[in-house]
mmCIF file of all heavy atoms, coordinates in Angstrom:
data_MODEL
# 
_entry.id   MODEL 
# 
loop_
_atom_site.group_PDB 
_atom_site.id 
_atom_site.type_symbol 
_atom_site.label_atom_id 
_atom_site.label_alt_id 
_atom_site.label_comp_id 
_atom_site.label_asym_id 
_atom_site.label_entity_id 
_atom_site.label_seq_id 
_atom_site.pdbx_PDB_ins_code 
_atom_site.Cartn_x 
_atom_site.Cartn_y 
_atom_site.Cartn_z 
_atom_site.occupancy 
_atom_site.B_iso_or_equiv 
_atom_site.pdbx_formal_charge 
_atom_site.auth_seq_id 
_atom_site.auth_comp_id 
_atom_site.auth_asym_id 
_atom_site.auth_atom_id 
_atom_site.pdbx_PDB_model_num 
ATOM 1   N N   . GLY A 1 1  ? 0.775  -1.228  0.000   1.00 0.00 ? 1  GLY A N   1 
ATOM 2   C CA  . GLY A 1 1  ? 0.000  0.000   0.000   1.00 0.00 ? 1  GLY A CA  1 
ATOM 3   C C   . GLY A 1 1  ? 0.807  1.278   0.000   1.00 0.00 ? 1  GLY A C   1 
ATOM 4   O O   . GLY A 1 1  ? 0.264  2.373   -0.189  1.00 0.00 ? 1  GLY A O   1 
ATOM 5   N N   . ASN A 1 2  ? 2.117  1.176   0.195   1.00 0.00 ? 2  ASN A N   1 
ATOM 6   C CA  . ASN A 1 2  ? 2.986  2.356   0.202   1.00 0.00 ? 2  ASN A CA  1 
ATOM 7   C C   . ASN A 1 2  ? 3.539  2.590   -1.208  1.00 0.00 ? 2  ASN A C   1 
ATOM 8   O O   . ASN A 1 2  ? 4.477  1.934   -1.631  1.00 0.00 ? 2  ASN A O   1 
ATOM 9   C CB  . ASN A 1 2  ? 4.131  2.159   1.201   1.00 0.00 ? 2  ASN A CB  1 
ATOM 10  C CG  . ASN A 1 2  ? 5.057  3.374   1.269   1.00 0.00 ? 2  ASN A CG  1 
ATOM 11  O OD1 . ASN A 1 2  ? 4.772  4.421   0.679   1.00 0.00 ? 2  ASN A OD1 1 
ATOM 12  N ND2 . ASN A 1 2  ? 6.158  3.215   1.970   1.00 0.00 ? 2  ASN A ND2 1 
ATOM 13  N N   . LYS A 1 3  ? 2.923  3.523   -1.936  1.00 0.00 ? 3  LYS A N   1 
ATOM 14  C CA  . LYS A 1 3  ? 3.319  3.743   -3.326  1.00 0.00 ? 3  LYS A CA  1 
ATOM 15  C C   . LYS A 1 3  ? 4.078  5.058   -3.521  1.00 0.00 ? 3  LYS A C   1 
ATOM 16  O O   . LYS A 1 3  ? 4.143  5.607   -4.622  1.00 0.00 ? 3  LYS A O   1 
ATOM 17  C CB  . LYS A 1 3  ? 2.084  3.722   -4.226  1.00 0.00 ? 3  LYS A CB  1 
ATOM 18  C CG  . LYS A 1 3  ? 1.379  2.372   -4.222  1.00 0.00 ? 3  LYS A CG  1 
ATOM 19  C CD  . LYS A 1 3  ? 0.242  2.343   -5.220  1.00 0.00 ? 3  LYS A CD  1 
ATOM 20  C CE  . LYS A 1 3  ? -0.426 0.968   -5.244  1.00 0.00 ? 3  LYS A CE  1 
ATOM 21  N NZ  . LYS A 1 3  ? -1.517 0.887   -6.235  1.00 0.00 ? 3  LYS A NZ  1 
ATOM 22  N N   . GLU A 1 4  ? 4.693  5.544   -2.464  1.00 0.00 ? 4  GLU A N   1 
ATOM 23  C CA  . GLU A 1 4  ? 5.431  6.806   -2.547  1.00 0.00 ? 4  GLU A CA  1 
ATOM 24  C C   . GLU A 1 4  ? 6.814  6.628   -3.170  1.00 0.00 ? 4  GLU A C   1 
ATOM 25  O O   . GLU A 1 4  ? 7.322  7.528   -3.827  1.00 0.00 ? 4  GLU A O   1 
ATOM 26  C CB  . GLU A 1 4  ? 5.568  7.425   -1.146  1.00 0.00 ? 4  GLU A CB  1 
ATOM 27  C CG  . GLU A 1 4  ? 4.242  7.853   -0.547  1.00 0.00 ? 4  GLU A CG  1 
ATOM 28  C CD  . GLU A 1 4  ? 4.421  8.480   0.820   1.00 0.00 ? 4  GLU A CD  1 
ATOM 29  O OE1 . GLU A 1 4  ? 5.597  8.588   1.261   1.00 0.00 ? 4  GLU A OE1 1 
ATOM 30  O OE2 . GLU A 1 4  ? 3.418  8.863   1.436   1.00 0.00 ? 4  GLU A OE2 1 
ATOM 31  N N   . LYS A 1 5  ? 7.429  5.483   -2.931  1.00 0.00 ? 5  LYS A N   1 
ATOM 32  C CA  . LYS A 1 5  ? 8.783  5.261   -3.439  1.00 0.00 ? 5  LYS A CA  1 
ATOM 33  C C   . LYS A 1 5  ? 8.769  4.947   -4.938  1.00 0.00 ? 5  LYS A C   1 
ATOM 34  O O   . LYS A 1 5  ? 8.034  4.056   -5.376  1.00 0.00 ? 5  LYS A O   1 
ATOM 35  C CB  . LYS A 1 5  ? 9.462  4.114   -2.690  1.00 0.00 ? 5  LYS A CB  1 
ATOM 36  C CG  . LYS A 1 5  ? 9.776  4.424   -1.231  1.00 0.00 ? 5  LYS A CG  1 
ATOM 37  C CD  . LYS A 1 5  ? 10.538 3.268   -0.593  1.00 0.00 ? 5  LYS A CD  1 
ATOM 38  C CE  . LYS A 1 5  ? 10.891 3.601   0.853   1.00 0.00 ? 5  LYS A CE  1 
ATOM 39  N NZ  . LYS A 1 5  ? 11.636 2.481   1.495   1.00 0.00 ? 5  LYS A NZ  1 
ATOM 40  N N   . PRO A 1 6  ? 9.569  5.650   -5.722  1.00 0.00 ? 6  PRO A N   1 
ATOM 41  C CA  . PRO A 1 6  ? 9.629  5.360   -7.175  1.00 0.00 ? 6  PRO A CA  1 
ATOM 42  C C   . PRO A 1 6  ? 10.623 4.230   -7.469  1.00 0.00 ? 6  PRO A C   1 
ATOM 43  O O   . PRO A 1 6  ? 11.534 3.961   -6.684  1.00 0.00 ? 6  PRO A O   1 
ATOM 44  C CB  . PRO A 1 6  ? 10.120 6.685   -7.760  1.00 0.00 ? 6  PRO A CB  1 
ATOM 45  C CG  . PRO A 1 6  ? 11.010 7.246   -6.684  1.00 0.00 ? 6  PRO A CG  1 
ATOM 46  C CD  . PRO A 1 6  ? 10.355 6.844   -5.373  1.00 0.00 ? 6  PRO A CD  1 
ATOM 47  N N   . TYR A 1 7  ? 10.434 3.599   -8.596  1.00 0.00 ? 7  TYR A N   1 
ATOM 48  C CA  . TYR A 1 7  ? 11.384 2.582   -9.037  1.00 0.00 ? 7  TYR A CA  1 
ATOM 49  C C   . TYR A 1 7  ? 12.645 3.262   -9.576  1.00 0.00 ? 7  TYR A C   1 
ATOM 50  O O   . TYR A 1 7  ? 12.587 4.374   -10.116 1.00 0.00 ? 7  TYR A O   1 
ATOM 51  C CB  . TYR A 1 7  ? 10.782 1.715   -10.147 1.00 0.00 ? 7  TYR A CB  1 
ATOM 52  C CG  . TYR A 1 7  ? 9.743  0.736   -9.664  1.00 0.00 ? 7  TYR A CG  1 
ATOM 53  C CD1 . TYR A 1 7  ? 8.386  0.988   -9.872  1.00 0.00 ? 7  TYR A CD1 1 
ATOM 54  C CD2 . TYR A 1 7  ? 10.114 -0.431  -9.012  1.00 0.00 ? 7  TYR A CD2 1 
ATOM 55  C CE1 . TYR A 1 7  ? 7.418  0.088   -9.440  1.00 0.00 ? 7  TYR A CE1 1 
ATOM 56  C CE2 . TYR A 1 7  ? 9.157  -1.338  -8.577  1.00 0.00 ? 7  TYR A CE2 1 
ATOM 57  C CZ  . TYR A 1 7  ? 7.813  -1.073  -8.794  1.00 0.00 ? 7  TYR A CZ  1 
ATOM 58  O OH  . TYR A 1 7  ? 6.869  -1.963  -8.357  1.00 0.00 ? 7  TYR A OH  1 
ATOM 59  N N   . ARG A 1 8  ? 13.768 2.589   -9.423  1.00 0.00 ? 8  ARG A N   1 
ATOM 60  C CA  . ARG A 1 8  ? 15.012 3.092   -9.997  1.00 0.00 ? 8  ARG A CA  1 
ATOM 61  C C   . ARG A 1 8  ? 15.151 2.595   -11.432 1.00 0.00 ? 8  ARG A C   1 
ATOM 62  O O   . ARG A 1 8  ? 14.799 1.449   -11.733 1.00 0.00 ? 8  ARG A O   1 
ATOM 63  C CB  . ARG A 1 8  ? 16.228 2.610   -9.190  1.00 0.00 ? 8  ARG A CB  1 
ATOM 64  C CG  . ARG A 1 8  ? 16.347 3.236   -7.818  1.00 0.00 ? 8  ARG A CG  1 
ATOM 65  C CD  . ARG A 1 8  ? 17.658 2.837   -7.168  1.00 0.00 ? 8  ARG A CD  1 
ATOM 66  N NE  . ARG A 1 8  ? 17.793 3.418   -5.833  1.00 0.00 ? 8  ARG A NE  1 
ATOM 67  C CZ  . ARG A 1 8  ? 18.849 3.228   -5.051  1.00 0.00 ? 8  ARG A CZ  1 
ATOM 68  N NH1 . ARG A 1 8  ? 19.864 2.469   -5.467  1.00 0.00 ? 8  ARG A NH1 1 
ATOM 69  N NH2 . ARG A 1 8  ? 18.900 3.777   -3.854  1.00 0.00 ? 8  ARG A NH2 1 
ATOM 70  N N   . ARG A 1 9  ? 15.676 3.433   -12.276 1.00 0.00 ? 9  ARG A N   1 
ATOM 71  C CA  . ARG A 1 9  ? 15.963 3.012   -13.654 1.00 0.00 ? 9  ARG A CA  1 
ATOM 72  C C   . ARG A 1 9  ? 17.268 2.234   -13.636 1.00 0.00 ? 9  ARG A C   1 
ATOM 73  O O   . ARG A 1 9  ? 18.323 2.773   -13.286 1.00 0.00 ? 9  ARG A O   1 
ATOM 74  C CB  . ARG A 1 9  ? 16.065 4.227   -14.572 1.00 0.00 ? 9  ARG A CB  1 
ATOM 75  C CG  . ARG A 1 9  ? 16.263 3.852   -16.016 1.00 0.00 ? 9  ARG A CG  1 
ATOM 76  C CD  . ARG A 1 9  ? 16.413 5.090   -16.878 1.00 0.00 ? 9  ARG A CD  1 
ATOM 77  N NE  . ARG A 1 9  ? 16.688 4.733   -18.256 1.00 0.00 ? 9  ARG A NE  1 
ATOM 78  C CZ  . ARG A 1 9  ? 17.038 5.604   -19.193 1.00 0.00 ? 9  ARG A CZ  1 
ATOM 79  N NH1 . ARG A 1 9  ? 17.128 6.896   -18.883 1.00 0.00 ? 9  ARG A NH1 1 
ATOM 80  N NH2 . ARG A 1 9  ? 17.279 5.205   -20.424 1.00 0.00 ? 9  ARG A NH2 1 
ATOM 81  N N   . ILE A 1 10 ? 17.221 0.971   -14.015 1.00 0.00 ? 10 ILE A N   1 
ATOM 82  C CA  . ILE A 1 10 ? 18.397 0.104   -13.883 1.00 0.00 ? 10 ILE A CA  1 
ATOM 83  C C   . ILE A 1 10 ? 19.430 0.375   -14.978 1.00 0.00 ? 10 ILE A C   1 
ATOM 84  O O   . ILE A 1 10 ? 20.607 0.567   -14.701 1.00 0.00 ? 10 ILE A O   1 
ATOM 85  C CB  . ILE A 1 10 ? 17.978 -1.382  -13.892 1.00 0.00 ? 10 ILE A CB  1 
ATOM 86  C CG1 . ILE A 1 10 ? 17.140 -1.678  -12.640 1.00 0.00 ? 10 ILE A CG1 1 
ATOM 87  C CG2 . ILE A 1 10 ? 19.210 -2.290  -13.937 1.00 0.00 ? 10 ILE A CG2 1 
ATOM 88  C CD1 . ILE A 1 10 ? 16.660 -3.102  -12.539 1.00 0.00 ? 10 ILE A CD1 1 
ATOM 89  N N   . ILE A 1 11 ? 18.990 0.402   -16.243 1.00 0.00 ? 11 ILE A N   1 
ATOM 90  C CA  . ILE A 1 11 ? 19.933 0.643   -17.346 1.00 0.00 ? 11 ILE A CA  1 
ATOM 91  C C   . ILE A 1 11 ? 19.938 2.145   -17.622 1.00 0.00 ? 11 ILE A C   1 
ATOM 92  O O   . ILE A 1 11 ? 19.181 2.645   -18.463 1.00 0.00 ? 11 ILE A O   1 
ATOM 93  C CB  . ILE A 1 11 ? 19.540 -0.150  -18.613 1.00 0.00 ? 11 ILE A CB  1 
ATOM 94  C CG1 . ILE A 1 11 ? 19.312 -1.616  -18.262 1.00 0.00 ? 11 ILE A CG1 1 
ATOM 95  C CG2 . ILE A 1 11 ? 20.625 -0.015  -19.681 1.00 0.00 ? 11 ILE A CG2 1 
ATOM 96  C CD1 . ILE A 1 11 ? 20.507 -2.300  -17.612 1.00 0.00 ? 11 ILE A CD1 1 
ATOM 97  N N   . CYS A 1 12 ? 20.803 2.860   -16.891 1.00 0.00 ? 12 CYS A N   1 
ATOM 98  C CA  . CYS A 1 12 ? 20.752 4.327   -16.922 1.00 0.00 ? 12 CYS A CA  1 
ATOM 99  C C   . CYS A 1 12 ? 22.002 4.973   -17.519 1.00 0.00 ? 12 CYS A C   1 
ATOM 100 O O   . CYS A 1 12 ? 22.102 6.198   -17.563 1.00 0.00 ? 12 CYS A O   1 
ATOM 101 C CB  . CYS A 1 12 ? 20.526 4.858   -15.509 1.00 0.00 ? 12 CYS A CB  1 
ATOM 102 S SG  . CYS A 1 12 ? 21.751 4.311   -14.316 1.00 0.00 ? 12 CYS A SG  1 
ATOM 103 N N   . ASN A 1 13 ? 22.964 4.172   -17.984 1.00 0.00 ? 13 ASN A N   1 
ATOM 104 C CA  . ASN A 1 13 ? 24.143 4.746   -18.634 1.00 0.00 ? 13 ASN A CA  1 
ATOM 105 C C   . ASN A 1 13 ? 24.744 3.745   -19.615 1.00 0.00 ? 13 ASN A C   1 
ATOM 106 O O   . ASN A 1 13 ? 24.329 2.577   -19.680 1.00 0.00 ? 13 ASN A O   1 
ATOM 107 C CB  . ASN A 1 13 ? 25.189 5.201   -17.592 1.00 0.00 ? 13 ASN A CB  1 
ATOM 108 C CG  . ASN A 1 13 ? 25.664 4.064   -16.701 1.00 0.00 ? 13 ASN A CG  1 
ATOM 109 O OD1 . ASN A 1 13 ? 26.056 3.003   -17.185 1.00 0.00 ? 13 ASN A OD1 1 
ATOM 110 N ND2 . ASN A 1 13 ? 25.639 4.287   -15.389 1.00 0.00 ? 13 ASN A ND2 1 
ATOM 111 N N   . GLY A 1 14 ? 25.743 4.199   -20.368 1.00 0.00 ? 14 GLY A N   1 
ATOM 112 C CA  . GLY A 1 14 ? 26.330 3.376   -21.419 1.00 0.00 ? 14 GLY A CA  1 
ATOM 113 C C   . GLY A 1 14 ? 27.006 2.115   -20.911 1.00 0.00 ? 14 GLY A C   1 
ATOM 114 O O   . GLY A 1 14 ? 26.915 1.050   -21.544 1.00 0.00 ? 14 GLY A O   1 
ATOM 115 N N   . TYR A 1 15 ? 27.685 2.195   -19.782 1.00 0.00 ? 15 TYR A N   1 
ATOM 116 C CA  . TYR A 1 15 ? 28.390 1.019   -19.266 1.00 0.00 ? 15 TYR A CA  1 
ATOM 117 C C   . TYR A 1 15 ? 27.414 -0.050  -18.770 1.00 0.00 ? 15 TYR A C   1 
ATOM 118 O O   . TYR A 1 15 ? 27.675 -1.252  -18.908 1.00 0.00 ? 15 TYR A O   1 
ATOM 119 C CB  . TYR A 1 15 ? 29.369 1.421   -18.166 1.00 0.00 ? 15 TYR A CB  1 
ATOM 120 C CG  . TYR A 1 15 ? 30.696 1.894   -18.726 1.00 0.00 ? 15 TYR A CG  1 
ATOM 121 C CD1 . TYR A 1 15 ? 31.022 3.242   -18.737 1.00 0.00 ? 15 TYR A CD1 1 
ATOM 122 C CD2 . TYR A 1 15 ? 31.606 0.988   -19.266 1.00 0.00 ? 15 TYR A CD2 1 
ATOM 123 C CE1 . TYR A 1 15 ? 32.228 3.684   -19.269 1.00 0.00 ? 15 TYR A CE1 1 
ATOM 124 C CE2 . TYR A 1 15 ? 32.811 1.416   -19.801 1.00 0.00 ? 15 TYR A CE2 1 
ATOM 125 C CZ  . TYR A 1 15 ? 33.118 2.766   -19.799 1.00 0.00 ? 15 TYR A CZ  1 
ATOM 126 O OH  . TYR A 1 15 ? 34.315 3.185   -20.336 1.00 0.00 ? 15 TYR A OH  1 
ATOM 127 N N   . ARG A 1 16 ? 26.305 0.376   -18.193 1.00 0.00 ? 16 ARG A N   1 
ATOM 128 C CA  . ARG A 1 16 ? 25.303 -0.625  -17.778 1.00 0.00 ? 16 ARG A CA  1 
ATOM 129 C C   . ARG A 1 16 ? 24.712 -1.330  -19.001 1.00 0.00 ? 16 ARG A C   1 
ATOM 130 O O   . ARG A 1 16 ? 24.478 -2.537  -18.973 1.00 0.00 ? 16 ARG A O   1 
ATOM 131 C CB  . ARG A 1 16 ? 24.204 0.038   -16.946 1.00 0.00 ? 16 ARG A CB  1 
ATOM 132 C CG  . ARG A 1 16 ? 24.672 0.507   -15.584 1.00 0.00 ? 16 ARG A CG  1 
ATOM 133 C CD  . ARG A 1 16 ? 23.502 0.784   -14.662 1.00 0.00 ? 16 ARG A CD  1 
ATOM 134 N NE  . ARG A 1 16 ? 23.951 1.283   -13.365 1.00 0.00 ? 16 ARG A NE  1 
ATOM 135 C CZ  . ARG A 1 16 ? 23.178 1.388   -12.298 1.00 0.00 ? 16 ARG A CZ  1 
ATOM 136 N NH1 . ARG A 1 16 ? 21.903 1.050   -12.377 1.00 0.00 ? 16 ARG A NH1 1 
ATOM 137 N NH2 . ARG A 1 16 ? 23.662 1.845   -11.166 1.00 0.00 ? 16 ARG A NH2 1 
ATOM 138 N N   . LYS A 1 17 ? 24.469 -0.559  -20.059 1.00 0.00 ? 17 LYS A N   1 
ATOM 139 C CA  . LYS A 1 17 ? 23.958 -1.171  -21.294 1.00 0.00 ? 17 LYS A CA  1 
ATOM 140 C C   . LYS A 1 17 ? 25.005 -2.114  -21.865 1.00 0.00 ? 17 LYS A C   1 
ATOM 141 O O   . LYS A 1 17 ? 24.677 -3.212  -22.347 1.00 0.00 ? 17 LYS A O   1 
ATOM 142 C CB  . LYS A 1 17 ? 23.641 -0.050  -22.303 1.00 0.00 ? 17 LYS A CB  1 
ATOM 143 C CG  . LYS A 1 17 ? 23.097 -0.545  -23.649 1.00 0.00 ? 17 LYS A CG  1 
ATOM 144 C CD  . LYS A 1 17 ? 21.691 -1.081  -23.546 1.00 0.00 ? 17 LYS A CD  1 
ATOM 145 C CE  . LYS A 1 17 ? 21.135 -1.464  -24.924 1.00 0.00 ? 17 LYS A CE  1 
ATOM 146 N NZ  . LYS A 1 17 ? 20.916 -0.302  -25.804 1.00 0.00 ? 17 LYS A NZ  1 
ATOM 147 N N   . PHE A 1 18 ? 26.281 -1.730  -21.792 1.00 0.00 ? 18 PHE A N   1 
ATOM 148 C CA  . PHE A 1 18 ? 27.387 -2.562  -22.267 1.00 0.00 ? 18 PHE A CA  1 
ATOM 149 C C   . PHE A 1 18 ? 27.377 -3.900  -21.524 1.00 0.00 ? 18 PHE A C   1 
ATOM 150 O O   . PHE A 1 18 ? 27.510 -4.977  -22.122 1.00 0.00 ? 18 PHE A O   1 
ATOM 151 C CB  . PHE A 1 18 ? 28.707 -1.824  -22.036 1.00 0.00 ? 18 PHE A CB  1 
ATOM 152 C CG  . PHE A 1 18 ? 29.866 -2.314  -22.866 1.00 0.00 ? 18 PHE A CG  1 
ATOM 153 C CD1 . PHE A 1 18 ? 31.027 -1.552  -22.955 1.00 0.00 ? 18 PHE A CD1 1 
ATOM 154 C CD2 . PHE A 1 18 ? 29.827 -3.528  -23.537 1.00 0.00 ? 18 PHE A CD2 1 
ATOM 155 C CE1 . PHE A 1 18 ? 32.111 -1.976  -23.712 1.00 0.00 ? 18 PHE A CE1 1 
ATOM 156 C CE2 . PHE A 1 18 ? 30.906 -3.980  -24.297 1.00 0.00 ? 18 PHE A CE2 1 
ATOM 157 C CZ  . PHE A 1 18 ? 32.051 -3.197  -24.377 1.00 0.00 ? 18 PHE A CZ  1 
ATOM 158 N N   . VAL A 1 19 ? 27.214 -3.851  -20.206 1.00 0.00 ? 19 VAL A N   1 
ATOM 159 C CA  . VAL A 1 19 ? 27.171 -5.068  -19.386 1.00 0.00 ? 19 VAL A CA  1 
ATOM 160 C C   . VAL A 1 19 ? 26.039 -5.983  -19.844 1.00 0.00 ? 19 VAL A C   1 
ATOM 161 O O   . VAL A 1 19 ? 26.240 -7.194  -20.042 1.00 0.00 ? 19 VAL A O   1 
ATOM 162 C CB  . VAL A 1 19 ? 26.988 -4.720  -17.892 1.00 0.00 ? 19 VAL A CB  1 
ATOM 163 C CG1 . VAL A 1 19 ? 26.706 -5.989  -17.079 1.00 0.00 ? 19 VAL A CG1 1 
ATOM 164 C CG2 . VAL A 1 19 ? 28.222 -4.022  -17.346 1.00 0.00 ? 19 VAL A CG2 1 
ATOM 165 N N   . MET A 1 20 ? 24.868 -5.433  -20.037 1.00 0.00 ? 20 MET A N   1 
ATOM 166 C CA  . MET A 1 20 ? 23.711 -6.239  -20.434 1.00 0.00 ? 20 MET A CA  1 
ATOM 167 C C   . MET A 1 20 ? 23.879 -6.822  -21.831 1.00 0.00 ? 20 MET A C   1 
ATOM 168 O O   . MET A 1 20 ? 23.479 -7.960  -22.100 1.00 0.00 ? 20 MET A O   1 
ATOM 169 C CB  . MET A 1 20 ? 22.437 -5.386  -20.368 1.00 0.00 ? 20 MET A CB  1 
ATOM 170 C CG  . MET A 1 20 ? 22.066 -4.929  -18.961 1.00 0.00 ? 20 MET A CG  1 
ATOM 171 S SD  . MET A 1 20 ? 21.935 -6.282  -17.777 1.00 0.00 ? 20 MET A SD  1 
ATOM 172 C CE  . MET A 1 20 ? 20.617 -7.259  -18.509 1.00 0.00 ? 20 MET A CE  1 
ATOM 173 N N   . LEU A 1 21 ? 24.500 -6.038  -22.732 1.00 0.00 ? 21 LEU A N   1 
ATOM 174 C CA  . LEU A 1 21 ? 24.739 -6.540  -24.087 1.00 0.00 ? 21 LEU A CA  1 
ATOM 175 C C   . LEU A 1 21 ? 25.682 -7.747  -24.061 1.00 0.00 ? 21 LEU A C   1 
ATOM 176 O O   . LEU A 1 21 ? 25.452 -8.740  -24.767 1.00 0.00 ? 21 LEU A O   1 
ATOM 177 C CB  . LEU A 1 21 ? 25.338 -5.429  -24.955 1.00 0.00 ? 21 LEU A CB  1 
ATOM 178 C CG  . LEU A 1 21 ? 24.408 -4.270  -25.329 1.00 0.00 ? 21 LEU A CG  1 
ATOM 179 C CD1 . LEU A 1 21 ? 25.203 -3.148  -25.994 1.00 0.00 ? 21 LEU A CD1 1 
ATOM 180 C CD2 . LEU A 1 21 ? 23.281 -4.733  -26.237 1.00 0.00 ? 21 LEU A CD2 1 
ATOM 181 N N   . VAL A 1 22 ? 26.726 -7.665  -23.252 1.00 0.00 ? 22 VAL A N   1 
ATOM 182 C CA  . VAL A 1 22 ? 27.678 -8.779  -23.153 1.00 0.00 ? 22 VAL A CA  1 
ATOM 183 C C   . VAL A 1 22 ? 26.996 -10.013 -22.566 1.00 0.00 ? 22 VAL A C   1 
ATOM 184 O O   . VAL A 1 22 ? 27.231 -11.145 -23.024 1.00 0.00 ? 22 VAL A O   1 
ATOM 185 C CB  . VAL A 1 22 ? 28.901 -8.375  -22.304 1.00 0.00 ? 22 VAL A CB  1 
ATOM 186 C CG1 . VAL A 1 22 ? 29.773 -9.591  -21.992 1.00 0.00 ? 22 VAL A CG1 1 
ATOM 187 C CG2 . VAL A 1 22 ? 29.735 -7.314  -23.029 1.00 0.00 ? 22 VAL A CG2 1 
ATOM 188 N N   . ILE A 1 23 ? 26.140 -9.810  -21.569 1.00 0.00 ? 23 ILE A N   1 
ATOM 189 C CA  . ILE A 1 23 ? 25.413 -10.943 -20.977 1.00 0.00 ? 23 ILE A CA  1 
ATOM 190 C C   . ILE A 1 23 ? 24.523 -11.611 -22.021 1.00 0.00 ? 23 ILE A C   1 
ATOM 191 O O   . ILE A 1 23 ? 24.497 -12.839 -22.141 1.00 0.00 ? 23 ILE A O   1 
ATOM 192 C CB  . ILE A 1 23 ? 24.567 -10.467 -19.779 1.00 0.00 ? 23 ILE A CB  1 
ATOM 193 C CG1 . ILE A 1 23 ? 25.474 -10.058 -18.624 1.00 0.00 ? 23 ILE A CG1 1 
ATOM 194 C CG2 . ILE A 1 23 ? 23.600 -11.567 -19.324 1.00 0.00 ? 23 ILE A CG2 1 
ATOM 195 C CD1 . ILE A 1 23 ? 24.746 -9.419  -17.467 1.00 0.00 ? 23 ILE A CD1 1 
ATOM 196 N N   . VAL A 1 24 ? 23.810 -10.794 -22.795 1.00 0.00 ? 24 VAL A N   1 
ATOM 197 C CA  . VAL A 1 24 ? 22.927 -11.335 -23.842 1.00 0.00 ? 24 VAL A CA  1 
ATOM 198 C C   . VAL A 1 24 ? 23.746 -12.101 -24.882 1.00 0.00 ? 24 VAL A C   1 
ATOM 199 O O   . VAL A 1 24 ? 23.344 -13.179 -25.337 1.00 0.00 ? 24 VAL A O   1 
ATOM 200 C CB  . VAL A 1 24 ? 22.119 -10.203 -24.504 1.00 0.00 ? 24 VAL A CB  1 
ATOM 201 C CG1 . VAL A 1 24 ? 21.375 -10.720 -25.738 1.00 0.00 ? 24 VAL A CG1 1 
ATOM 202 C CG2 . VAL A 1 24 ? 21.130 -9.610  -23.515 1.00 0.00 ? 24 VAL A CG2 1 
ATOM 203 N N   . SER A 1 25 ? 24.904 -11.579 -25.272 1.00 0.00 ? 25 SER A N   1 
ATOM 204 C CA  . SER A 1 25 ? 25.753 -12.261 -26.251 1.00 0.00 ? 25 SER A CA  1 
ATOM 205 C C   . SER A 1 25 ? 26.296 -13.578 -25.711 1.00 0.00 ? 25 SER A C   1 
ATOM 206 O O   . SER A 1 25 ? 26.498 -14.539 -26.464 1.00 0.00 ? 25 SER A O   1 
ATOM 207 C CB  . SER A 1 25 ? 26.933 -11.358 -26.642 1.00 0.00 ? 25 SER A CB  1 
ATOM 208 O OG  . SER A 1 25 ? 26.519 -10.254 -27.409 1.00 0.00 ? 25 SER A OG  1 
# 
């Protein structure tokens, strides 16, 4: 019932995207 806290954006910069791309590959 506590909906005040927002979610964090996980893929928020180039290096994080790089990490995810390597994992997918």
